[in-house]
Amino acid sequence: MDNVVRIVIPKEYFFPCFNLAVEALTQSPDYQAAHTILLDFTECHSLHGIGMSLETQLFYEQAKAHRKSVYWVGNPSMYNIVVMLNTATSSETLPYRNV
């Protein structure tokens, strides 16, 4: 897949670090050239931090404003938690994608 950036979330992840990682990414030439961003949670089994839903959603909305497609990949049970948390906000939830 051309023009795709895959952000692999490690097995155990502390979500305040997510903001720092994507901030650095958005400044990179790879991000600027990308049309699609995959947030890959395939390996992730343990999250720490209450902002998982908010932080991934904020990244999705910011990337979408730059005309980029963002998808959640892997770990559907974790994705369902994000959907449930996001339902109360009436925001469009970042879509899930099988890869």
PDB file of N, CA and C in Angstrom:
ATOM      1  N   MET A   1       0.847  -1.182   0.000  1.00  0.00           N
ATOM      2  CA  MET A   1       0.000   0.000   0.000  1.00  0.00           C
ATOM      3  C   MET A   1       0.890   1.243   0.000  1.00  0.00           C
ATOM      4  N   ASP A   2       0.715   2.076  -0.998  1.00  0.00           N
ATOM      5  CA  ASP A   2       1.471   3.317  -1.075  1.00  0.00           C
ATOM      6  C   ASP A   2       0.796   4.398  -0.247  1.00  0.00           C
ATOM      7  N   ASN A   3       1.609   5.332   0.203  1.00  0.00           N
ATOM      8  CA  ASN A   3       1.112   6.480   0.966  1.00  0.00           C
ATOM      9  C   ASN A   3       0.353   6.074   2.225  1.00  0.00           C
ATOM     10  N   VAL A   4       0.824   5.011   2.864  1.00  0.00           N
ATOM     11  CA  VAL A   4       0.211   4.538   4.105  1.00  0.00           C
ATOM     12  C   VAL A   4       1.253   4.600   5.220  1.00  0.00           C
ATOM     13  N   VAL A   5       0.852   5.143   6.357  1.00  0.00           N
ATOM     14  CA  VAL A   5       1.691   5.133   7.550  1.00  0.00           C
ATOM     15  C   VAL A   5       1.001   4.240   8.572  1.00  0.00           C
ATOM     16  N   ARG A   6       1.739   3.271   9.086  1.00  0.00           N
ATOM     17  CA  ARG A   6       1.205   2.355  10.102  1.00  0.00           C
ATOM     18  C   ARG A   6       1.873   2.682  11.433  1.00  0.00           C
ATOM     19  N   ILE A   7       1.065   3.016  12.429  1.00  0.00           N
ATOM     20  CA  ILE A   7       1.563   3.269  13.776  1.00  0.00           C
ATOM     21  C   ILE A   7       1.262   2.019  14.586  1.00  0.00           C
ATOM     22  N   VAL A   8       2.300   1.259  14.905  1.00  0.00           N
ATOM     23  CA  VAL A   8       2.128   0.011  15.649  1.00  0.00           C
ATOM     24  C   VAL A   8       2.162   0.333  17.140  1.00  0.00           C
ATOM     25  N   ILE A   9       1.062   0.032  17.808  1.00  0.00           N
ATOM     26  CA  ILE A   9       0.955   0.237  19.245  1.00  0.00           C
ATOM     27  C   ILE A   9       1.521  -1.014  19.924  1.00  0.00           C
ATOM     28  N   PRO A  10       2.528  -0.863  20.800  1.00  0.00           N
ATOM     29  CA  PRO A  10       3.156  -2.036  21.413  1.00  0.00           C
ATOM     30  C   PRO A  10       2.226  -2.824  22.337  1.00  0.00           C
ATOM     31  N   LYS A  11       2.699  -3.984  22.760  1.00  0.00           N
ATOM     32  CA  LYS A  11       1.912  -4.895  23.603  1.00  0.00           C
ATOM     33  C   LYS A  11       1.388  -4.194  24.851  1.00  0.00           C
ATOM     34  N   GLU A  12       2.227  -3.428  25.512  1.00  0.00           N
ATOM     35  CA  GLU A  12       1.809  -2.670  26.687  1.00  0.00           C
ATOM     36  C   GLU A  12       2.102  -1.207  26.394  1.00  0.00           C
ATOM     37  N   TYR A  13       1.094  -0.380  26.488  1.00  0.00           N
ATOM     38  CA  TYR A  13       1.256   0.993  26.036  1.00  0.00           C
ATOM     39  C   TYR A  13       0.690   1.980  27.033  1.00  0.00           C
ATOM     40  N   PHE A  14       1.429   3.029  27.279  1.00  0.00           N
ATOM     41  CA  PHE A  14       0.990   4.100  28.162  1.00  0.00           C
ATOM     42  C   PHE A  14       0.508   5.247  27.284  1.00  0.00           C
ATOM     43  N   PHE A  15      -0.776   5.524  27.343  1.00  0.00           N
ATOM     44  CA  PHE A  15      -1.348   6.430  26.371  1.00  0.00           C
ATOM     45  C   PHE A  15      -0.954   7.893  26.463  1.00  0.00           C
ATOM     46  N   PRO A  16      -0.466   8.411  27.548  1.00  0.00           N
ATOM     47  CA  PRO A  16       0.033   9.787  27.431  1.00  0.00           C
ATOM     48  C   PRO A  16       1.167   9.892  26.409  1.00  0.00           C
ATOM     49  N   CYS A  17       1.874   8.795  26.186  1.00  0.00           N
ATOM     50  CA  CYS A  17       2.957   8.781  25.196  1.00  0.00           C
ATOM     51  C   CYS A  17       2.422   8.876  23.770  1.00  0.00           C
ATOM     52  N   PHE A  18       1.175   8.498  23.566  1.00  0.00           N
ATOM     53  CA  PHE A  18       0.577   8.536  22.237  1.00  0.00           C
ATOM     54  C   PHE A  18       0.629   9.947  21.668  1.00  0.00           C
ATOM     55  N   ASN A  19       0.279  10.935  22.479  1.00  0.00           N
ATOM     56  CA  ASN A  19       0.284  12.322  22.008  1.00  0.00           C
ATOM     57  C   ASN A  19       1.665  12.756  21.547  1.00  0.00           C
ATOM     58  N   LEU A  20       2.692  12.397  22.304  1.00  0.00           N
ATOM     59  CA  LEU A  20       4.055  12.767  21.930  1.00  0.00           C
ATOM     60  C   LEU A  20       4.478  12.078  20.636  1.00  0.00           C
ATOM     61  N   ALA A  21       4.114  10.813  20.498  1.00  0.00           N
ATOM     62  CA  ALA A  21       4.488  10.063  19.303  1.00  0.00           C
ATOM     63  C   ALA A  21       3.820  10.631  18.058  1.00  0.00           C
ATOM     64  N   VAL A  22       2.533  10.920  18.133  1.00  0.00           N
ATOM     65  CA  VAL A  22       1.849  11.427  16.939  1.00  0.00           C
ATOM     66  C   VAL A  22       2.221  12.878  16.655  1.00  0.00           C
ATOM     67  N   GLU A  23       2.580  13.626  17.685  1.00  0.00           N
ATOM     68  CA  GLU A  23       3.045  14.997  17.451  1.00  0.00           C
ATOM     69  C   GLU A  23       4.321  14.980  16.611  1.00  0.00           C
ATOM     70  N   ALA A  24       5.241  14.097  16.954  1.00  0.00           N
ATOM     71  CA  ALA A  24       6.472  13.955  16.171  1.00  0.00           C
ATOM     72  C   ALA A  24       6.154  13.444  14.768  1.00  0.00           C
ATOM     73  N   LEU A  25       5.245  12.501  14.677  1.00  0.00           N
ATOM     74  CA  LEU A  25       4.873  11.941  13.379  1.00  0.00           C
ATOM     75  C   LEU A  25       4.296  13.002  12.451  1.00  0.00           C
ATOM     76  N   THR A  26       3.424  13.852  12.966  1.00  0.00           N
ATOM     77  CA  THR A  26       2.764  14.839  12.102  1.00  0.00           C
ATOM     78  C   THR A  26       3.750  15.841  11.509  1.00  0.00           C
ATOM     79  N   GLN A  27       4.933  15.936  12.074  1.00  0.00           N
ATOM     80  CA  GLN A  27       5.962  16.833  11.539  1.00  0.00           C
ATOM     81  C   GLN A  27       6.839  16.148  10.485  1.00  0.00           C
ATOM     82  N   SER A  28       6.678  14.847  10.326  1.00  0.00           N
ATOM     83  CA  SER A  28       7.560  14.091   9.435  1.00  0.00           C
ATOM     84  C   SER A  28       7.088  14.141   7.982  1.00  0.00           C
ATOM     85  N   PRO A  29       8.011  13.997   7.042  1.00  0.00           N
ATOM     86  CA  PRO A  29       7.642  13.938   5.624  1.00  0.00           C
ATOM     87  C   PRO A  29       6.744  12.737   5.302  1.00  0.00           C
ATOM     88  N   ASP A  30       6.932  11.617   6.021  1.00  0.00           N
ATOM     89  CA  ASP A  30       6.086  10.438   5.780  1.00  0.00           C
ATOM     90  C   ASP A  30       4.620  10.757   6.038  1.00  0.00           C
ATOM     91  N   TYR A  31       4.354  11.466   7.120  1.00  0.00           N
ATOM     92  CA  TYR A  31       2.978  11.836   7.451  1.00  0.00           C
ATOM     93  C   TYR A  31       2.418  12.794   6.400  1.00  0.00           C
ATOM     94  N   GLN A  32       3.236  13.754   6.003  1.00  0.00           N
ATOM     95  CA  GLN A  32       2.778  14.739   5.025  1.00  0.00           C
ATOM     96  C   GLN A  32       2.382  14.072   3.711  1.00  0.00           C
ATOM     97  N   ALA A  33       3.115  13.039   3.309  1.00  0.00           N
ATOM     98  CA  ALA A  33       2.841  12.350   2.048  1.00  0.00           C
ATOM     99  C   ALA A  33       1.742  11.299   2.162  1.00  0.00           C
ATOM    100  N   ALA A  34       1.433  10.880   3.372  1.00  0.00           N
ATOM    101  CA  ALA A  34       0.475   9.780   3.572  1.00  0.00           C
ATOM    102  C   ALA A  34      -0.954  10.213   3.286  1.00  0.00           C
ATOM    103  N   HIS A  35      -1.698   9.279   2.732  1.00  0.00           N
ATOM    104  CA  HIS A  35      -3.141   9.460   2.555  1.00  0.00           C
ATOM    105  C   HIS A  35      -3.909   8.664   3.603  1.00  0.00           C
ATOM    106  N   THR A  36      -3.288   7.598   4.093  1.00  0.00           N
ATOM    107  CA  THR A  36      -3.944   6.697   5.038  1.00  0.00           C
ATOM    108  C   THR A  36      -3.034   6.460   6.239  1.00  0.00           C
ATOM    109  N   ILE A  37      -3.627   6.531   7.434  1.00  0.00           N
ATOM    110  CA  ILE A  37      -2.917   6.259   8.681  1.00  0.00           C
ATOM    111  C   ILE A  37      -3.604   5.068   9.342  1.00  0.00           C
ATOM    112  N   LEU A  38      -2.831   4.045   9.664  1.00  0.00           N
ATOM    113  CA  LEU A  38      -3.362   2.877  10.356  1.00  0.00           C
ATOM    114  C   LEU A  38      -2.856   2.879  11.794  1.00  0.00           C
ATOM    115  N   LEU A  39      -3.767   2.948  12.746  1.00  0.00           N
ATOM    116  CA  LEU A  39      -3.417   2.795  14.158  1.00  0.00           C
ATOM    117  C   LEU A  39      -3.534   1.308  14.452  1.00  0.00           C
ATOM    118  N   ASP A  40      -2.409   0.630  14.501  1.00  0.00           N
ATOM    119  CA  ASP A  40      -2.391  -0.833  14.567  1.00  0.00           C
ATOM    120  C   ASP A  40      -2.286  -1.320  16.014  1.00  0.00           C
ATOM    121  N   PHE A  41      -3.401  -1.811  16.537  1.00  0.00           N
ATOM    122  CA  PHE A  41      -3.490  -2.321  17.908  1.00  0.00           C
ATOM    123  C   PHE A  41      -3.413  -3.847  17.959  1.00  0.00           C
ATOM    124  N   THR A  42      -2.954  -4.482  16.889  1.00  0.00           N
ATOM    125  CA  THR A  42      -2.920  -5.939  16.810  1.00  0.00           C
ATOM    126  C   THR A  42      -2.149  -6.566  17.966  1.00  0.00           C
ATOM    127  N   GLU A  43      -1.005  -6.005  18.327  1.00  0.00           N
ATOM    128  CA  GLU A  43      -0.165  -6.569  19.387  1.00  0.00           C
ATOM    129  C   GLU A  43      -0.535  -6.065  20.773  1.00  0.00           C
ATOM    130  N   CYS A  44      -1.320  -5.017  20.856  1.00  0.00           N
ATOM    131  CA  CYS A  44      -1.596  -4.361  22.133  1.00  0.00           C
ATOM    132  C   CYS A  44      -2.629  -5.147  22.948  1.00  0.00           C
ATOM    133  N   HIS A  45      -2.263  -5.455  24.190  1.00  0.00           N
ATOM    134  CA  HIS A  45      -3.170  -6.182  25.079  1.00  0.00           C
ATOM    135  C   HIS A  45      -3.362  -5.484  26.410  1.00  0.00           C
ATOM    136  N   SER A  46      -2.573  -4.439  26.648  1.00  0.00           N
ATOM    137  CA  SER A  46      -2.656  -3.757  27.929  1.00  0.00           C
ATOM    138  C   SER A  46      -2.451  -2.260  27.720  1.00  0.00           C
ATOM    139  N   LEU A  47      -3.468  -1.499  28.058  1.00  0.00           N
ATOM    140  CA  LEU A  47      -3.400  -0.045  27.938  1.00  0.00           C
ATOM    141  C   LEU A  47      -3.377   0.574  29.316  1.00  0.00           C
ATOM    142  N   HIS A  48      -2.628   1.637  29.447  1.00  0.00           N
ATOM    143  CA  HIS A  48      -2.576   2.375  30.702  1.00  0.00           C
ATOM    144  C   HIS A  48      -2.885   3.830  30.388  1.00  0.00           C
ATOM    145  N   GLY A  49      -3.842   4.386  31.059  1.00  0.00           N
ATOM    146  CA  GLY A  49      -4.218   5.773  30.829  1.00  0.00           C
ATOM    147  C   GLY A  49      -5.677   5.857  30.458  1.00  0.00           C
ATOM    148  N   ILE A  50      -6.351   6.826  31.035  1.00  0.00           N
ATOM    149  CA  ILE A  50      -7.790   6.925  30.815  1.00  0.00           C
ATOM    150  C   ILE A  50      -8.137   7.636  29.515  1.00  0.00           C
ATOM    151  N   GLY A  51      -7.127   8.145  28.807  1.00  0.00           N
ATOM    152  CA  GLY A  51      -7.412   8.934  27.620  1.00  0.00           C
ATOM    153  C   GLY A  51      -7.410   8.188  26.315  1.00  0.00           C
ATOM    154  N   MET A  52      -7.390   6.853  26.341  1.00  0.00           N
ATOM    155  CA  MET A  52      -7.285   6.088  25.103  1.00  0.00           C
ATOM    156  C   MET A  52      -8.304   6.530  24.071  1.00  0.00           C
ATOM    157  N   SER A  53      -9.553   6.576  24.436  1.00  0.00           N
ATOM    158  CA  SER A  53     -10.608   6.933  23.495  1.00  0.00           C
ATOM    159  C   SER A  53     -10.460   8.373  23.031  1.00  0.00           C
ATOM    160  N   LEU A  54     -10.252   9.263  23.962  1.00  0.00           N
ATOM    161  CA  LEU A  54     -10.141  10.683  23.636  1.00  0.00           C
ATOM    162  C   LEU A  54      -8.929  10.967  22.756  1.00  0.00           C
ATOM    163  N   GLU A  55      -7.785  10.387  23.088  1.00  0.00           N
ATOM    164  CA  GLU A  55      -6.561  10.663  22.341  1.00  0.00           C
ATOM    165  C   GLU A  55      -6.604  10.099  20.927  1.00  0.00           C
ATOM    166  N   THR A  56      -7.098   8.884  20.762  1.00  0.00           N
ATOM    167  CA  THR A  56      -7.192   8.326  19.415  1.00  0.00           C
ATOM    168  C   THR A  56      -8.232   9.088  18.606  1.00  0.00           C
ATOM    169  N   GLN A  57      -9.328   9.480  19.244  1.00  0.00           N
ATOM    170  CA  GLN A  57     -10.372  10.228  18.556  1.00  0.00           C
ATOM    171  C   GLN A  57      -9.871  11.603  18.116  1.00  0.00           C
ATOM    172  N   LEU A  58      -9.140  12.277  18.973  1.00  0.00           N
ATOM    173  CA  LEU A  58      -8.592  13.588  18.636  1.00  0.00           C
ATOM    174  C   LEU A  58      -7.620  13.480  17.464  1.00  0.00           C
ATOM    175  N   PHE A  59      -6.768  12.459  17.482  1.00  0.00           N
ATOM    176  CA  PHE A  59      -5.847  12.245  16.367  1.00  0.00           C
ATOM    177  C   PHE A  59      -6.630  12.007  15.078  1.00  0.00           C
ATOM    178  N   TYR A  60      -7.667  11.186  15.152  1.00  0.00           N
ATOM    179  CA  TYR A  60      -8.513  10.904  13.988  1.00  0.00           C
ATOM    180  C   TYR A  60      -9.097  12.191  13.414  1.00  0.00           C
ATOM    181  N   GLU A  61      -9.660  13.023  14.263  1.00  0.00           N
ATOM    182  CA  GLU A  61     -10.303  14.248  13.797  1.00  0.00           C
ATOM    183  C   GLU A  61      -9.290  15.231  13.210  1.00  0.00           C
ATOM    184  N   GLN A  62      -8.105  15.327  13.811  1.00  0.00           N
ATOM    185  CA  GLN A  62      -7.074  16.223  13.283  1.00  0.00           C
ATOM    186  C   GLN A  62      -6.561  15.736  11.932  1.00  0.00           C
ATOM    187  N   ALA A  63      -6.328  14.439  11.803  1.00  0.00           N
ATOM    188  CA  ALA A  63      -5.853  13.888  10.534  1.00  0.00           C
ATOM    189  C   ALA A  63      -6.922  14.028   9.455  1.00  0.00           C
ATOM    190  N   LYS A  64      -8.161  13.810   9.835  1.00  0.00           N
ATOM    191  CA  LYS A  64      -9.270  13.946   8.887  1.00  0.00           C
ATOM    192  C   LYS A  64      -9.357  15.387   8.367  1.00  0.00           C
ATOM    193  N   ALA A  65      -9.093  16.353   9.233  1.00  0.00           N
ATOM    194  CA  ALA A  65      -9.091  17.760   8.820  1.00  0.00           C
ATOM    195  C   ALA A  65      -7.992  18.038   7.791  1.00  0.00           C
ATOM    196  N   HIS A  66      -6.954  17.197   7.784  1.00  0.00           N
ATOM    197  CA  HIS A  66      -5.878  17.312   6.794  1.00  0.00           C
ATOM    198  C   HIS A  66      -6.102  16.358   5.620  1.00  0.00           C
ATOM    199  N   ARG A  67      -7.334  15.894   5.479  1.00  0.00           N
ATOM    200  CA  ARG A  67      -7.743  15.016   4.366  1.00  0.00           C
ATOM    201  C   ARG A  67      -7.012  13.676   4.352  1.00  0.00           C
ATOM    202  N   LYS A  68      -6.809  13.146   5.539  1.00  0.00           N
ATOM    203  CA  LYS A  68      -6.198  11.825   5.664  1.00  0.00           C
ATOM    204  C   LYS A  68      -7.238  10.852   6.213  1.00  0.00           C
ATOM    205  N   SER A  69      -7.150   9.623   5.780  1.00  0.00           N
ATOM    206  CA  SER A  69      -8.016   8.572   6.306  1.00  0.00           C
ATOM    207  C   SER A  69      -7.285   7.888   7.449  1.00  0.00           C
ATOM    208  N   VAL A  70      -7.980   7.683   8.554  1.00  0.00           N
ATOM    209  CA  VAL A  70      -7.385   7.021   9.717  1.00  0.00           C
ATOM    210  C   VAL A  70      -8.256   5.828  10.078  1.00  0.00           C
ATOM    211  N   TYR A  71      -7.611   4.691  10.339  1.00  0.00           N
ATOM    212  CA  TYR A  71      -8.338   3.472  10.681  1.00  0.00           C
ATOM    213  C   TYR A  71      -7.712   2.809  11.896  1.00  0.00           C
ATOM    214  N   TRP A  72      -8.557   2.174  12.696  1.00  0.00           N
ATOM    215  CA  TRP A  72      -8.131   1.322  13.808  1.00  0.00           C
ATOM    216  C   TRP A  72      -7.955  -0.067  13.220  1.00  0.00           C
ATOM    217  N   VAL A  73      -6.813  -0.695  13.478  1.00  0.00           N
ATOM    218  CA  VAL A  73      -6.523  -2.033  12.971  1.00  0.00           C
ATOM    219  C   VAL A  73      -6.245  -2.945  14.161  1.00  0.00           C
ATOM    220  N   GLY A  74      -6.838  -4.145  14.152  1.00  0.00           N
ATOM    221  CA  GLY A  74      -6.575  -5.143  15.189  1.00  0.00           C
ATOM    222  C   GLY A  74      -7.339  -4.891  16.475  1.00  0.00           C
ATOM    223  N   ASN A  75      -7.331  -5.884  17.348  1.00  0.00           N
ATOM    224  CA  ASN A  75      -7.948  -5.859  18.670  1.00  0.00           C
ATOM    225  C   ASN A  75      -9.365  -5.269  18.663  1.00  0.00           C
ATOM    226  N   PRO A  76     -10.320  -5.985  18.062  1.00  0.00           N
ATOM    227  CA  PRO A  76     -11.691  -5.472  17.976  1.00  0.00           C
ATOM    228  C   PRO A  76     -12.363  -5.251  19.325  1.00  0.00           C
ATOM    229  N   SER A  77     -11.999  -6.024  20.346  1.00  0.00           N
ATOM    230  CA  SER A  77     -12.640  -5.817  21.651  1.00  0.00           C
ATOM    231  C   SER A  77     -12.242  -4.462  22.238  1.00  0.00           C
ATOM    232  N   MET A  78     -11.001  -4.074  22.061  1.00  0.00           N
ATOM    233  CA  MET A  78     -10.556  -2.765  22.524  1.00  0.00           C
ATOM    234  C   MET A  78     -11.238  -1.659  21.704  1.00  0.00           C
ATOM    235  N   TYR A  79     -11.372  -1.901  20.419  1.00  0.00           N
ATOM    236  CA  TYR A  79     -12.055  -0.936  19.549  1.00  0.00           C
ATOM    237  C   TYR A  79     -13.506  -0.743  19.998  1.00  0.00           C
ATOM    238  N   ASN A  80     -14.175  -1.819  20.368  1.00  0.00           N
ATOM    239  CA  ASN A  80     -15.570  -1.718  20.819  1.00  0.00           C
ATOM    240  C   ASN A  80     -15.702  -0.857  22.070  1.00  0.00           C
ATOM    241  N   ILE A  81     -14.692  -0.869  22.925  1.00  0.00           N
ATOM    242  CA  ILE A  81     -14.700   0.006  24.102  1.00  0.00           C
ATOM    243  C   ILE A  81     -14.643   1.462  23.657  1.00  0.00           C
ATOM    244  N   VAL A  82     -13.790   1.753  22.681  1.00  0.00           N
ATOM    245  CA  VAL A  82     -13.689   3.118  22.158  1.00  0.00           C
ATOM    246  C   VAL A  82     -15.022   3.559  21.566  1.00  0.00           C
ATOM    247  N   VAL A  83     -15.657   2.685  20.814  1.00  0.00           N
ATOM    248  CA  VAL A  83     -16.967   3.011  20.229  1.00  0.00           C
ATOM    249  C   VAL A  83     -17.972   3.311  21.330  1.00  0.00           C
ATOM    250  N   MET A  84     -18.002   2.475  22.355  1.00  0.00           N
ATOM    251  CA  MET A  84     -18.941   2.668  23.458  1.00  0.00           C
ATOM    252  C   MET A  84     -18.690   4.009  24.158  1.00  0.00           C
ATOM    253  N   LEU A  85     -17.432   4.328  24.436  1.00  0.00           N
ATOM    254  CA  LEU A  85     -17.104   5.589  25.096  1.00  0.00           C
ATOM    255  C   LEU A  85     -17.432   6.788  24.213  1.00  0.00           C
ATOM    256  N   ASN A  86     -17.280   6.610  22.927  1.00  0.00           N
ATOM    257  CA  ASN A  86     -17.495   7.714  22.002  1.00  0.00           C
ATOM    258  C   ASN A  86     -18.967   7.944  21.683  1.00  0.00           C
ATOM    259  N   THR A  87     -19.800   6.948  21.906  1.00  0.00           N
ATOM    260  CA  THR A  87     -21.226   7.067  21.611  1.00  0.00           C
ATOM    261  C   THR A  87     -21.851   8.232  22.364  1.00  0.00           C
ATOM    262  N   ALA A  88     -21.435   8.435  23.584  1.00  0.00           N
ATOM    263  CA  ALA A  88     -21.999   9.513  24.405  1.00  0.00           C
ATOM    264  C   ALA A  88     -21.655  10.896  23.872  1.00  0.00           C
ATOM    265  N   THR A  89     -20.594  11.012  23.078  1.00  0.00           N
ATOM    266  CA  THR A  89     -20.169  12.324  22.582  1.00  0.00           C
ATOM    267  C   THR A  89     -20.826  12.700  21.265  1.00  0.00           C
ATOM    268  N   SER A  90     -21.477  11.774  20.621  1.00  0.00           N
ATOM    269  CA  SER A  90     -22.099  11.976  19.307  1.00  0.00           C
ATOM    270  C   SER A  90     -21.075  12.305  18.226  1.00  0.00           C
ATOM    271  N   SER A  91     -19.811  12.002  18.466  1.00  0.00           N
ATOM    272  CA  SER A  91     -18.771  12.213  17.462  1.00  0.00           C
ATOM    273  C   SER A  91     -18.686  10.993  16.560  1.00  0.00           C
ATOM    274  N   GLU A  92     -18.212  11.217  15.359  1.00  0.00           N
ATOM    275  CA  GLU A  92     -17.965  10.110  14.445  1.00  0.00           C
ATOM    276  C   GLU A  92     -16.730   9.360  14.938  1.00  0.00           C
ATOM    277  N   THR A  93     -16.866   8.078  15.199  1.00  0.00           N
ATOM    278  CA  THR A  93     -15.754   7.272  15.709  1.00  0.00           C
ATOM    279  C   THR A  93     -14.848   6.860  14.560  1.00  0.00           C
ATOM    280  N   LEU A  94     -13.536   6.868  14.816  1.00  0.00           N
ATOM    281  CA  LEU A  94     -12.627   6.426  13.781  1.00  0.00           C
ATOM    282  C   LEU A  94     -13.009   5.018  13.357  1.00  0.00           C
ATOM    283  N   PRO A  95     -12.986   4.741  12.071  1.00  0.00           N
ATOM    284  CA  PRO A  95     -13.454   3.448  11.584  1.00  0.00           C
ATOM    285  C   PRO A  95     -12.466   2.313  11.845  1.00  0.00           C
ATOM    286  N   TYR A  96     -13.015   1.105  11.921  1.00  0.00           N
ATOM    287  CA  TYR A  96     -12.228  -0.113  12.076  1.00  0.00           C
ATOM    288  C   TYR A  96     -11.930  -0.654  10.689  1.00  0.00           C
ATOM    289  N   ARG A  97     -10.745  -1.236  10.526  1.00  0.00           N
ATOM    290  CA  ARG A  97     -10.390  -1.802   9.223  1.00  0.00           C
ATOM    291  C   ARG A  97      -9.680  -3.130   9.416  1.00  0.00           C
ATOM    292  N   ASN A  98     -10.124  -4.140   8.695  1.00  0.00           N
ATOM    293  CA  ASN A  98      -9.419  -5.426   8.670  1.00  0.00           C
ATOM    294  C   ASN A  98      -8.302  -5.331   7.646  1.00  0.00           C
ATOM    295  N   VAL A  99      -7.096  -5.652   8.077  1.00  0.00           N
ATOM    296  CA  VAL A  99      -5.957  -5.599   7.147  1.00  0.00           C
ATOM    297  C   VAL A  99      -5.279  -6.939   7.130  1.00  0.00           C
TER     298      VAL A  99
END
